[in-house]
Amino acid sequence: MDLEKSIIESVRPLIVEEVKNQLKGFIPVSDDTEENPYVDAKWLCDIAHICNATRINLAKRGIIKPYYLGSRVLYKRKEILDAIESGKLSRYSHQ
């Protein structure tokens, strides 16, 4: 019984590492990394504290510019952060 436990404990880190390596190909990289210049609509709504309807309205008014990748709607991270900083994109701004 002790031999079995020691074998399991010695192999466990190798198995965990291999599973992590295999999952890297299936798990998408988070849009919240600085390496990715584009963010999705959920990130925009979370960071700007706006709802989805407001996001669509802001895009129609030209305050934010959506970019399309197939059926996905993306936004440039820098443009969003600049709009927030300048006050164009604020939860309580009425223009």
PDB file of N, CA and C in Angstrom:
ATOM      1  N   MET A   1       0.825  -1.195   0.000  1.00  0.00           N
ATOM      2  CA  MET A   1       0.000   0.000   0.000  1.00  0.00           C
ATOM      3  C   MET A   1       0.868   1.258   0.000  1.00  0.00           C
ATOM      4  N   ASP A   2       1.948   1.268   0.792  1.00  0.00           N
ATOM      5  CA  ASP A   2       2.833   2.428   0.832  1.00  0.00           C
ATOM      6  C   ASP A   2       3.552   2.631  -0.488  1.00  0.00           C
ATOM      7  N   LEU A   3       3.909   1.528  -1.128  1.00  0.00           N
ATOM      8  CA  LEU A   3       4.577   1.615  -2.420  1.00  0.00           C
ATOM      9  C   LEU A   3       3.648   2.267  -3.447  1.00  0.00           C
ATOM     10  N   GLU A   4       2.394   1.861  -3.423  1.00  0.00           N
ATOM     11  CA  GLU A   4       1.407   2.425  -4.350  1.00  0.00           C
ATOM     12  C   GLU A   4       1.241   3.926  -4.127  1.00  0.00           C
ATOM     13  N   LYS A   5       1.151   4.353  -2.884  1.00  0.00           N
ATOM     14  CA  LYS A   5       1.012   5.782  -2.564  1.00  0.00           C
ATOM     15  C   LYS A   5       2.243   6.564  -2.989  1.00  0.00           C
ATOM     16  N   SER A   6       3.411   6.021  -2.773  1.00  0.00           N
ATOM     17  CA  SER A   6       4.634   6.737  -3.143  1.00  0.00           C
ATOM     18  C   SER A   6       4.761   6.868  -4.655  1.00  0.00           C
ATOM     19  N   ILE A   7       4.338   5.844  -5.391  1.00  0.00           N
ATOM     20  CA  ILE A   7       4.364   5.917  -6.855  1.00  0.00           C
ATOM     21  C   ILE A   7       3.390   6.990  -7.331  1.00  0.00           C
ATOM     22  N   ILE A   8       2.201   7.001  -6.776  1.00  0.00           N
ATOM     23  CA  ILE A   8       1.195   8.001  -7.155  1.00  0.00           C
ATOM     24  C   ILE A   8       1.702   9.409  -6.857  1.00  0.00           C
ATOM     25  N   GLU A   9       2.280   9.602  -5.700  1.00  0.00           N
ATOM     26  CA  GLU A   9       2.775  10.932  -5.311  1.00  0.00           C
ATOM     27  C   GLU A   9       3.958  11.371  -6.180  1.00  0.00           C
ATOM     28  N   SER A  10       4.774  10.438  -6.620  1.00  0.00           N
ATOM     29  CA  SER A  10       5.921  10.804  -7.450  1.00  0.00           C
ATOM     30  C   SER A  10       5.501  11.115  -8.888  1.00  0.00           C
ATOM     31  N   VAL A  11       4.434  10.514  -9.350  1.00  0.00           N
ATOM     32  CA  VAL A  11       3.975  10.704 -10.728  1.00  0.00           C
ATOM     33  C   VAL A  11       2.991  11.869 -10.846  1.00  0.00           C
ATOM     34  N   ARG A  12       2.334  12.204  -9.760  1.00  0.00           N
ATOM     35  CA  ARG A  12       1.293  13.235  -9.786  1.00  0.00           C
ATOM     36  C   ARG A  12       1.761  14.567 -10.396  1.00  0.00           C
ATOM     37  N   PRO A  13       2.918  15.141 -10.007  1.00  0.00           N
ATOM     38  CA  PRO A  13       3.338  16.420 -10.611  1.00  0.00           C
ATOM     39  C   PRO A  13       3.539  16.323 -12.119  1.00  0.00           C
ATOM     40  N   LEU A  14       4.031  15.196 -12.586  1.00  0.00           N
ATOM     41  CA  LEU A  14       4.225  15.012 -14.028  1.00  0.00           C
ATOM     42  C   LEU A  14       2.894  14.987 -14.763  1.00  0.00           C
ATOM     43  N   ILE A  15       1.931  14.319 -14.183  1.00  0.00           N
ATOM     44  CA  ILE A  15       0.605  14.242 -14.809  1.00  0.00           C
ATOM     45  C   ILE A  15      -0.055  15.617 -14.822  1.00  0.00           C
ATOM     46  N   VAL A  16       0.022  16.330 -13.716  1.00  0.00           N
ATOM     47  CA  VAL A  16      -0.579  17.664 -13.626  1.00  0.00           C
ATOM     48  C   VAL A  16       0.052  18.593 -14.663  1.00  0.00           C
ATOM     49  N   GLU A  17       1.358  18.567 -14.785  1.00  0.00           N
ATOM     50  CA  GLU A  17       2.042  19.434 -15.749  1.00  0.00           C
ATOM     51  C   GLU A  17       1.649  19.092 -17.184  1.00  0.00           C
ATOM     52  N   GLU A  18       1.560  17.815 -17.482  1.00  0.00           N
ATOM     53  CA  GLU A  18       1.178  17.401 -18.831  1.00  0.00           C
ATOM     54  C   GLU A  18      -0.258  17.794 -19.151  1.00  0.00           C
ATOM     55  N   VAL A  19      -1.162  17.658 -18.207  1.00  0.00           N
ATOM     56  CA  VAL A  19      -2.550  18.072 -18.422  1.00  0.00           C
ATOM     57  C   VAL A  19      -2.612  19.578 -18.673  1.00  0.00           C
ATOM     58  N   LYS A  20      -1.861  20.359 -17.903  1.00  0.00           N
ATOM     59  CA  LYS A  20      -1.830  21.815 -18.111  1.00  0.00           C
ATOM     60  C   LYS A  20      -1.339  22.144 -19.515  1.00  0.00           C
ATOM     61  N   ASN A  21      -0.287  21.466 -19.953  1.00  0.00           N
ATOM     62  CA  ASN A  21       0.249  21.714 -21.290  1.00  0.00           C
ATOM     63  C   ASN A  21      -0.761  21.369 -22.372  1.00  0.00           C
ATOM     64  N   GLN A  22      -1.485  20.282 -22.185  1.00  0.00           N
ATOM     65  CA  GLN A  22      -2.474  19.882 -23.170  1.00  0.00           C
ATOM     66  C   GLN A  22      -3.655  20.840 -23.206  1.00  0.00           C
ATOM     67  N   LEU A  23      -4.030  21.380 -22.054  1.00  0.00           N
ATOM     68  CA  LEU A  23      -5.178  22.294 -21.989  1.00  0.00           C
ATOM     69  C   LEU A  23      -4.870  23.673 -22.544  1.00  0.00           C
ATOM     70  N   LYS A  24      -3.608  24.048 -22.619  1.00  0.00           N
ATOM     71  CA  LYS A  24      -3.251  25.372 -23.133  1.00  0.00           C
ATOM     72  C   LYS A  24      -3.799  25.601 -24.529  1.00  0.00           C
ATOM     73  N   GLY A  25      -3.862  24.570 -25.343  1.00  0.00           N
ATOM     74  CA  GLY A  25      -4.383  24.703 -26.692  1.00  0.00           C
ATOM     75  C   GLY A  25      -5.887  24.867 -26.751  1.00  0.00           C
ATOM     76  N   PHE A  26      -6.598  24.471 -25.706  1.00  0.00           N
ATOM     77  CA  PHE A  26      -8.053  24.526 -25.706  1.00  0.00           C
ATOM     78  C   PHE A  26      -8.607  25.746 -24.985  1.00  0.00           C
ATOM     79  N   ILE A  27      -7.876  26.259 -24.038  1.00  0.00           N
ATOM     80  CA  ILE A  27      -8.352  27.385 -23.247  1.00  0.00           C
ATOM     81  C   ILE A  27      -7.921  28.675 -23.929  1.00  0.00           C
ATOM     82  N   PRO A  28      -8.878  29.531 -24.315  1.00  0.00           N
ATOM     83  CA  PRO A  28      -8.493  30.770 -24.993  1.00  0.00           C
ATOM     84  C   PRO A  28      -7.773  31.709 -24.039  1.00  0.00           C
ATOM     85  N   VAL A  29      -6.879  32.499 -24.621  1.00  0.00           N
ATOM     86  CA  VAL A  29      -6.160  33.493 -23.828  1.00  0.00           C
ATOM     87  C   VAL A  29      -7.138  34.587 -23.437  1.00  0.00           C
ATOM     88  N   SER A  30      -7.089  35.001 -22.215  1.00  0.00           N
ATOM     89  CA  SER A  30      -7.997  36.021 -21.710  1.00  0.00           C
ATOM     90  C   SER A  30      -7.800  37.323 -22.476  1.00  0.00           C
ATOM     91  N   ASP A  31      -8.910  38.022 -22.740  1.00  0.00           N
ATOM     92  CA  ASP A  31      -8.835  39.316 -23.413  1.00  0.00           C
ATOM     93  C   ASP A  31      -8.303  40.395 -22.497  1.00  0.00           C
ATOM     94  N   ASP A  32      -8.052  40.053 -21.275  1.00  0.00           N
ATOM     95  CA  ASP A  32      -7.606  41.048 -20.312  1.00  0.00           C
ATOM     96  C   ASP A  32      -6.088  41.178 -20.260  1.00  0.00           C
ATOM     97  N   THR A  33      -5.365  40.517 -21.150  1.00  0.00           N
ATOM     98  CA  THR A  33      -3.912  40.619 -21.165  1.00  0.00           C
ATOM     99  C   THR A  33      -3.505  41.839 -21.972  1.00  0.00           C
ATOM    100  N   GLU A  34      -2.411  42.421 -21.595  1.00  0.00           N
ATOM    101  CA  GLU A  34      -1.911  43.590 -22.304  1.00  0.00           C
ATOM    102  C   GLU A  34      -1.386  43.229 -23.692  1.00  0.00           C
ATOM    103  N   GLU A  35      -1.108  41.951 -23.934  1.00  0.00           N
ATOM    104  CA  GLU A  35      -0.579  41.529 -25.224  1.00  0.00           C
ATOM    105  C   GLU A  35      -1.626  41.647 -26.322  1.00  0.00           C
ATOM    106  N   ASN A  36      -2.883  41.539 -25.973  1.00  0.00           N
ATOM    107  CA  ASN A  36      -3.957  41.562 -26.942  1.00  0.00           C
ATOM    108  C   ASN A  36      -4.481  42.990 -27.079  1.00  0.00           C
ATOM    109  N   PRO A  37      -4.330  43.607 -28.258  1.00  0.00           N
ATOM    110  CA  PRO A  37      -4.803  44.992 -28.414  1.00  0.00           C
ATOM    111  C   PRO A  37      -6.321  45.108 -28.535  1.00  0.00           C
ATOM    112  N   TYR A  38      -7.006  43.988 -28.739  1.00  0.00           N
ATOM    113  CA  TYR A  38      -8.458  44.010 -28.894  1.00  0.00           C
ATOM    114  C   TYR A  38      -9.142  43.402 -27.681  1.00  0.00           C
ATOM    115  N   VAL A  39     -10.309  43.938 -27.361  1.00  0.00           N
ATOM    116  CA  VAL A  39     -11.105  43.430 -26.255  1.00  0.00           C
ATOM    117  C   VAL A  39     -12.513  43.141 -26.763  1.00  0.00           C
ATOM    118  N   ASP A  40     -13.219  42.281 -26.044  1.00  0.00           N
ATOM    119  CA  ASP A  40     -14.570  41.943 -26.475  1.00  0.00           C
ATOM    120  C   ASP A  40     -15.599  42.858 -25.804  1.00  0.00           C
ATOM    121  N   ALA A  41     -16.840  42.680 -26.179  1.00  0.00           N
ATOM    122  CA  ALA A  41     -17.922  43.535 -25.685  1.00  0.00           C
ATOM    123  C   ALA A  41     -18.126  43.385 -24.184  1.00  0.00           C
ATOM    124  N   LYS A  42     -17.956  42.181 -23.671  1.00  0.00           N
ATOM    125  CA  LYS A  42     -18.131  41.961 -22.227  1.00  0.00           C
ATOM    126  C   LYS A  42     -17.096  42.747 -21.440  1.00  0.00           C
ATOM    127  N   TRP A  43     -15.857  42.724 -21.892  1.00  0.00           N
ATOM    128  CA  TRP A  43     -14.789  43.470 -21.210  1.00  0.00           C
ATOM    129  C   TRP A  43     -15.114  44.962 -21.230  1.00  0.00           C
ATOM    130  N   LEU A  44     -15.538  45.464 -22.377  1.00  0.00           N
ATOM    131  CA  LEU A  44     -15.895  46.879 -22.504  1.00  0.00           C
ATOM    132  C   LEU A  44     -17.005  47.246 -21.524  1.00  0.00           C
ATOM    133  N   CYS A  45     -18.062  46.442 -21.476  1.00  0.00           N
ATOM    134  CA  CYS A  45     -19.179  46.729 -20.574  1.00  0.00           C
ATOM    135  C   CYS A  45     -18.735  46.679 -19.114  1.00  0.00           C
ATOM    136  N   ASP A  46     -17.876  45.723 -18.776  1.00  0.00           N
ATOM    137  CA  ASP A  46     -17.393  45.600 -17.396  1.00  0.00           C
ATOM    138  C   ASP A  46     -16.520  46.792 -17.004  1.00  0.00           C
ATOM    139  N   ILE A  47     -15.596  47.169 -17.856  1.00  0.00           N
ATOM    140  CA  ILE A  47     -14.641  48.224 -17.510  1.00  0.00           C
ATOM    141  C   ILE A  47     -15.302  49.605 -17.511  1.00  0.00           C
ATOM    142  N   ALA A  48     -16.280  49.811 -18.387  1.00  0.00           N
ATOM    143  CA  ALA A  48     -16.939  51.110 -18.479  1.00  0.00           C
ATOM    144  C   ALA A  48     -18.215  51.183 -17.641  1.00  0.00           C
ATOM    145  N   HIS A  49     -18.611  50.073 -17.046  1.00  0.00           N
ATOM    146  CA  HIS A  49     -19.825  50.009 -16.227  1.00  0.00           C
ATOM    147  C   HIS A  49     -21.052  50.442 -17.024  1.00  0.00           C
ATOM    148  N   ILE A  50     -21.184  49.843 -18.205  1.00  0.00           N
ATOM    149  CA  ILE A  50     -22.337  50.124 -19.055  1.00  0.00           C
ATOM    150  C   ILE A  50     -22.991  48.803 -19.432  1.00  0.00           C
ATOM    151  N   CYS A  51     -24.245  48.878 -19.864  1.00  0.00           N
ATOM    152  CA  CYS A  51     -24.934  47.664 -20.294  1.00  0.00           C
ATOM    153  C   CYS A  51     -24.727  47.478 -21.801  1.00  0.00           C
ATOM    154  N   ASN A  52     -25.152  46.349 -22.294  1.00  0.00           N
ATOM    155  CA  ASN A  52     -24.959  46.018 -23.697  1.00  0.00           C
ATOM    156  C   ASN A  52     -25.695  46.991 -24.617  1.00  0.00           C
ATOM    157  N   ALA A  53     -26.889  47.400 -24.239  1.00  0.00           N
ATOM    158  CA  ALA A  53     -27.661  48.341 -25.063  1.00  0.00           C
ATOM    159  C   ALA A  53     -26.944  49.691 -25.157  1.00  0.00           C
ATOM    160  N   THR A  54     -26.337  50.125 -24.071  1.00  0.00           N
ATOM    161  CA  THR A  54     -25.591  51.389 -24.085  1.00  0.00           C
ATOM    162  C   THR A  54     -24.375  51.263 -24.989  1.00  0.00           C
ATOM    163  N   ARG A  55     -23.716  50.119 -24.945  1.00  0.00           N
ATOM    164  CA  ARG A  55     -22.553  49.887 -25.813  1.00  0.00           C
ATOM    165  C   ARG A  55     -22.949  50.013 -27.277  1.00  0.00           C
ATOM    166  N   ILE A  56     -24.074  49.415 -27.643  1.00  0.00           N
ATOM    167  CA  ILE A  56     -24.554  49.482 -29.026  1.00  0.00           C
ATOM    168  C   ILE A  56     -24.900  50.916 -29.393  1.00  0.00           C
ATOM    169  N   ASN A  57     -25.548  51.632 -28.486  1.00  0.00           N
ATOM    170  CA  ASN A  57     -25.910  53.025 -28.721  1.00  0.00           C
ATOM    171  C   ASN A  57     -24.663  53.897 -28.908  1.00  0.00           C
ATOM    172  N   LEU A  58     -23.653  53.678 -28.090  1.00  0.00           N
ATOM    173  CA  LEU A  58     -22.406  54.438 -28.212  1.00  0.00           C
ATOM    174  C   LEU A  58     -21.727  54.177 -29.554  1.00  0.00           C
ATOM    175  N   ALA A  59     -21.795  52.950 -30.030  1.00  0.00           N
ATOM    176  CA  ALA A  59     -21.213  52.619 -31.332  1.00  0.00           C
ATOM    177  C   ALA A  59     -21.990  53.298 -32.456  1.00  0.00           C
ATOM    178  N   LYS A  60     -23.313  53.335 -32.347  1.00  0.00           N
ATOM    179  CA  LYS A  60     -24.134  54.005 -33.367  1.00  0.00           C
ATOM    180  C   LYS A  60     -23.857  55.500 -33.413  1.00  0.00           C
ATOM    181  N   ARG A  61     -23.602  56.096 -32.235  1.00  0.00           N
ATOM    182  CA  ARG A  61     -23.320  57.533 -32.164  1.00  0.00           C
ATOM    183  C   ARG A  61     -21.883  57.864 -32.535  1.00  0.00           C
ATOM    184  N   GLY A  62     -21.052  56.847 -32.740  1.00  0.00           N
ATOM    185  CA  GLY A  62     -19.672  57.068 -33.169  1.00  0.00           C
ATOM    186  C   GLY A  62     -18.699  57.349 -32.038  1.00  0.00           C
ATOM    187  N   ILE A  63     -19.118  57.157 -30.802  1.00  0.00           N
ATOM    188  CA  ILE A  63     -18.239  57.418 -29.664  1.00  0.00           C
ATOM    189  C   ILE A  63     -17.197  56.313 -29.533  1.00  0.00           C
ATOM    190  N   ILE A  64     -17.598  55.076 -29.812  1.00  0.00           N
ATOM    191  CA  ILE A  64     -16.665  53.965 -29.855  1.00  0.00           C
ATOM    192  C   ILE A  64     -16.792  53.291 -31.215  1.00  0.00           C
ATOM    193  N   LYS A  65     -15.694  52.720 -31.678  1.00  0.00           N
ATOM    194  CA  LYS A  65     -15.707  52.093 -33.000  1.00  0.00           C
ATOM    195  C   LYS A  65     -15.556  50.588 -32.859  1.00  0.00           C
ATOM    196  N   PRO A  66     -16.563  49.821 -33.307  1.00  0.00           N
ATOM    197  CA  PRO A  66     -16.446  48.367 -33.253  1.00  0.00           C
ATOM    198  C   PRO A  66     -15.649  47.835 -34.445  1.00  0.00           C
ATOM    199  N   TYR A  67     -14.962  46.744 -34.232  1.00  0.00           N
ATOM    200  CA  TYR A  67     -14.248  46.033 -35.282  1.00  0.00           C
ATOM    201  C   TYR A  67     -14.821  44.626 -35.305  1.00  0.00           C
ATOM    202  N   TYR A  68     -14.981  44.077 -36.485  1.00  0.00           N
ATOM    203  CA  TYR A  68     -15.638  42.789 -36.616  1.00  0.00           C
ATOM    204  C   TYR A  68     -14.653  41.721 -37.083  1.00  0.00           C
ATOM    205  N   LEU A  69     -14.687  40.604 -36.391  1.00  0.00           N
ATOM    206  CA  LEU A  69     -13.898  39.433 -36.757  1.00  0.00           C
ATOM    207  C   LEU A  69     -14.887  38.280 -36.845  1.00  0.00           C
ATOM    208  N   GLY A  70     -15.362  38.043 -38.046  1.00  0.00           N
ATOM    209  CA  GLY A  70     -16.434  37.063 -38.215  1.00  0.00           C
ATOM    210  C   GLY A  70     -17.678  37.587 -37.534  1.00  0.00           C
ATOM    211  N   SER A  71     -18.215  36.827 -36.607  1.00  0.00           N
ATOM    212  CA  SER A  71     -19.413  37.265 -35.887  1.00  0.00           C
ATOM    213  C   SER A  71     -19.071  37.958 -34.568  1.00  0.00           C
ATOM    214  N   ARG A  72     -17.786  38.038 -34.245  1.00  0.00           N
ATOM    215  CA  ARG A  72     -17.367  38.673 -32.986  1.00  0.00           C
ATOM    216  C   ARG A  72     -17.229  40.177 -33.166  1.00  0.00           C
ATOM    217  N   VAL A  73     -17.645  40.909 -32.163  1.00  0.00           N
ATOM    218  CA  VAL A  73     -17.482  42.360 -32.134  1.00  0.00           C
ATOM    219  C   VAL A  73     -16.356  42.655 -31.157  1.00  0.00           C
ATOM    220  N   LEU A  74     -15.319  43.329 -31.652  1.00  0.00           N
ATOM    221  CA  LEU A  74     -14.165  43.655 -30.832  1.00  0.00           C
ATOM    222  C   LEU A  74     -13.941  45.156 -30.829  1.00  0.00           C
ATOM    223  N   TYR A  75     -13.195  45.612 -29.849  1.00  0.00           N
ATOM    224  CA  TYR A  75     -12.866  47.021 -29.717  1.00  0.00           C
ATOM    225  C   TYR A  75     -11.381  47.132 -29.411  1.00  0.00           C
ATOM    226  N   LYS A  76     -10.753  48.206 -29.859  1.00  0.00           N
ATOM    227  CA  LYS A  76      -9.346  48.407 -29.546  1.00  0.00           C
ATOM    228  C   LYS A  76      -9.225  48.867 -28.104  1.00  0.00           C
ATOM    229  N   ARG A  77      -8.410  48.165 -27.347  1.00  0.00           N
ATOM    230  CA  ARG A  77      -8.214  48.458 -25.922  1.00  0.00           C
ATOM    231  C   ARG A  77      -7.785  49.917 -25.722  1.00  0.00           C
ATOM    232  N   LYS A  78      -6.834  50.381 -26.511  1.00  0.00           N
ATOM    233  CA  LYS A  78      -6.319  51.739 -26.349  1.00  0.00           C
ATOM    234  C   LYS A  78      -7.420  52.768 -26.607  1.00  0.00           C
ATOM    235  N   GLU A  79      -8.242  52.559 -27.629  1.00  0.00           N
ATOM    236  CA  GLU A  79      -9.330  53.492 -27.930  1.00  0.00           C
ATOM    237  C   GLU A  79     -10.328  53.560 -26.773  1.00  0.00           C
ATOM    238  N   ILE A  80     -10.633  52.420 -26.190  1.00  0.00           N
ATOM    239  CA  ILE A  80     -11.590  52.376 -25.084  1.00  0.00           C
ATOM    240  C   ILE A  80     -11.020  53.090 -23.866  1.00  0.00           C
ATOM    241  N   LEU A  81      -9.769  52.789 -23.532  1.00  0.00           N
ATOM    242  CA  LEU A  81      -9.154  53.420 -22.361  1.00  0.00           C
ATOM    243  C   LEU A  81      -8.996  54.924 -22.557  1.00  0.00           C
ATOM    244  N   ASP A  82      -8.685  55.348 -23.796  1.00  0.00           N
ATOM    245  CA  ASP A  82      -8.593  56.786 -24.085  1.00  0.00           C
ATOM    246  C   ASP A  82      -9.961  57.461 -23.959  1.00  0.00           C
ATOM    247  N   ALA A  83     -11.016  56.793 -24.430  1.00  0.00           N
ATOM    248  CA  ALA A  83     -12.366  57.361 -24.332  1.00  0.00           C
ATOM    249  C   ALA A  83     -12.805  57.477 -22.874  1.00  0.00           C
ATOM    250  N   ILE A  84     -12.441  56.510 -22.061  1.00  0.00           N
ATOM    251  CA  ILE A  84     -12.777  56.577 -20.634  1.00  0.00           C
ATOM    252  C   ILE A  84     -12.016  57.717 -19.975  1.00  0.00           C
ATOM    253  N   GLU A  85     -10.727  57.825 -20.303  1.00  0.00           N
ATOM    254  CA  GLU A  85      -9.890  58.868 -19.710  1.00  0.00           C
ATOM    255  C   GLU A  85     -10.364  60.263 -20.091  1.00  0.00           C
ATOM    256  N   SER A  86     -10.777  60.441 -21.334  1.00  0.00           N
ATOM    257  CA  SER A  86     -11.208  61.756 -21.802  1.00  0.00           C
ATOM    258  C   SER A  86     -12.629  62.102 -21.360  1.00  0.00           C
ATOM    259  N   GLY A  87     -13.354  61.124 -20.838  1.00  0.00           N
ATOM    260  CA  GLY A  87     -14.710  61.386 -20.377  1.00  0.00           C
ATOM    261  C   GLY A  87     -15.777  61.138 -21.420  1.00  0.00           C
ATOM    262  N   LYS A  88     -15.383  60.746 -22.635  1.00  0.00           N
ATOM    263  CA  LYS A  88     -16.371  60.452 -23.673  1.00  0.00           C
ATOM    264  C   LYS A  88     -17.170  59.196 -23.347  1.00  0.00           C
ATOM    265  N   LEU A  89     -16.517  58.282 -22.680  1.00  0.00           N
ATOM    266  CA  LEU A  89     -17.147  57.019 -22.345  1.00  0.00           C
ATOM    267  C   LEU A  89     -17.212  56.906 -20.836  1.00  0.00           C
ATOM    268  N   SER A  90     -18.321  57.380 -20.318  1.00  0.00           N
ATOM    269  CA  SER A  90     -18.497  57.366 -18.883  1.00  0.00           C
ATOM    270  C   SER A  90     -19.932  56.969 -18.586  1.00  0.00           C
ATOM    271  N   ARG A  91     -20.121  56.299 -17.490  1.00  0.00           N
ATOM    272  CA  ARG A  91     -21.451  55.800 -17.156  1.00  0.00           C
ATOM    273  C   ARG A  91     -22.452  56.935 -17.011  1.00  0.00           C
ATOM    274  N   TYR A  92     -22.019  58.065 -16.531  1.00  0.00           N
ATOM    275  CA  TYR A  92     -22.958  59.165 -16.255  1.00  0.00           C
ATOM    276  C   TYR A  92     -22.760  60.364 -17.171  1.00  0.00           C
ATOM    277  N   SER A  93     -22.051  60.196 -18.267  1.00  0.00           N
ATOM    278  CA  SER A  93     -21.880  61.324 -19.170  1.00  0.00           C
ATOM    279  C   SER A  93     -23.100  61.435 -20.080  1.00  0.00           C
ATOM    280  N   HIS A  94     -23.621  62.620 -20.193  1.00  0.00           N
ATOM    281  CA  HIS A  94     -24.778  62.891 -21.048  1.00  0.00           C
ATOM    282  C   HIS A  94     -24.345  63.911 -22.083  1.00  0.00           C
ATOM    283  N   GLN A  95     -24.269  63.440 -23.328  1.00  0.00           N
ATOM    284  CA  GLN A  95     -23.800  64.337 -24.376  1.00  0.00           C
ATOM    285  C   GLN A  95     -24.896  64.606 -25.364  1.00  0.00           C
TER     286      GLN A  95
END
